[in-house]
Protein backbone atom coordinates (compact mmCIF):
# COMPACT_ATOMS: atom_id res chain seq x y z
CA UNK A 1 0.00 0.00 0.00
CA UNK A 2 1.30 3.46 -0.91
CA UNK A 3 1.98 5.82 2.00
CA UNK A 4 0.80 9.42 1.54
CA UNK A 5 1.58 12.20 4.01
CA UNK A 6 -0.42 15.35 4.75
CA UNK A 7 1.65 17.25 2.15
CA UNK A 8 0.45 14.80 -0.59
CA UNK A 9 3.86 13.15 -0.99
CA UNK A 10 3.63 9.44 -1.86
CA UNK A 11 6.04 6.64 -0.92
CA UNK A 12 6.02 3.12 -2.41
CA UNK A 13 5.24 0.02 -0.34
CA UNK A 14 8.22 -1.08 1.75
CA UNK A 15 9.94 2.31 1.65
CA UNK A 16 11.79 3.16 4.86
CA UNK A 17 10.37 6.51 5.93
CA UNK A 18 10.46 8.75 8.98
CA UNK A 19 7.29 10.54 10.03
CA UNK A 20 7.26 13.91 11.73
CA UNK A 21 6.55 17.59 11.27
CA UNK A 22 7.86 19.92 8.61
CA UNK A 23 9.65 23.25 8.85
CA UNK A 24 8.34 25.83 6.36
CA UNK A 25 10.95 28.29 5.15
CA UNK A 26 10.18 31.96 5.79
CA UNK A 27 13.20 34.08 4.87
CA UNK A 28 12.58 37.61 6.04
CA UNK A 29 16.21 38.53 6.74
CA UNK A 30 18.77 37.97 3.97
CA UNK A 31 21.52 36.83 6.37
CA UNK A 32 19.39 34.18 8.14
CA UNK A 33 17.31 31.26 6.93
CA UNK A 34 14.14 31.16 9.01
CA UNK A 35 11.78 28.22 9.44
CA UNK A 36 8.45 27.83 11.24
CA UNK A 37 7.45 24.43 12.56
CA UNK A 38 4.15 23.35 11.04
CA UNK A 39 2.80 20.86 13.54
CA UNK A 40 -0.72 20.59 12.15
CA UNK A 41 0.46 18.42 9.24
CA UNK A 42 2.51 15.22 9.29
CA UNK A 43 5.36 14.87 6.82
CA UNK A 44 7.29 11.82 5.68
CA UNK A 45 10.83 11.61 4.30
CA UNK A 46 13.01 8.71 3.27
CA UNK A 47 15.07 7.53 6.25
CA UNK A 48 18.32 7.89 4.25
CA UNK A 49 17.78 11.65 4.09
CA UNK A 50 17.66 12.07 7.87
CA UNK A 51 21.38 12.33 8.45
CA UNK A 52 22.37 15.82 9.55
CA UNK A 53 22.37 16.62 13.27
CA UNK A 54 21.70 20.30 13.62
CA UNK A 55 23.33 22.43 16.31
CA UNK A 56 21.07 24.39 18.67
CA UNK A 57 19.15 26.93 16.63
CA UNK A 58 18.21 30.50 17.42
CA UNK A 59 14.49 30.68 18.14
CA UNK A 60 12.52 33.88 17.66
CA UNK A 61 8.91 34.60 18.46
CA UNK A 62 7.17 36.63 15.79
CA UNK A 63 5.07 39.44 17.16
CA UNK A 64 2.24 39.14 14.65
CA UNK A 65 1.08 35.57 15.31
CA UNK A 66 3.29 34.36 18.22
CA UNK A 67 4.76 31.51 16.17
CA UNK A 68 8.20 30.18 16.98
CA UNK A 69 10.62 30.84 14.11
CA UNK A 70 13.91 28.92 13.97
CA UNK A 71 16.90 30.62 12.35
CA UNK A 72 20.14 29.25 11.00
CA UNK A 73 23.12 30.90 9.41
CA UNK A 74 24.20 30.50 5.80
CA UNK A 75 27.09 28.28 6.97
CA UNK A 76 24.79 25.80 8.75
CA UNK A 77 22.33 25.89 5.86
CA UNK A 78 25.12 25.00 3.41
CA UNK A 79 26.42 22.26 5.72
CA UNK A 80 22.96 20.68 5.73
CA UNK A 81 22.70 20.89 1.94
CA UNK A 82 26.22 19.45 1.54
CA UNK A 83 25.36 16.53 3.83
CA UNK A 84 22.80 15.46 1.24
CA UNK A 85 25.40 14.89 -1.51
CA UNK A 86 24.69 11.57 -3.15
CA UNK A 87 21.00 11.45 -2.22
């Protein structure tokens, strides 16, 4: 049976996946990459992609809607992208 997550991504039967929540990118400052945790939808990714252990992130609270926004520097963002080489 095909697995479908709340973001409409499909995975074939037998695929090794990890379920969790997704961070939506919201870049409002050019020097930081900002992400908001969307915990009302479940996301799935292939288990082979879950390989980068992120350092503690800066967490901001936006004044407009009181959401927690996680920020990371360009260096950390590039490290994460580079860790995906070959996938």
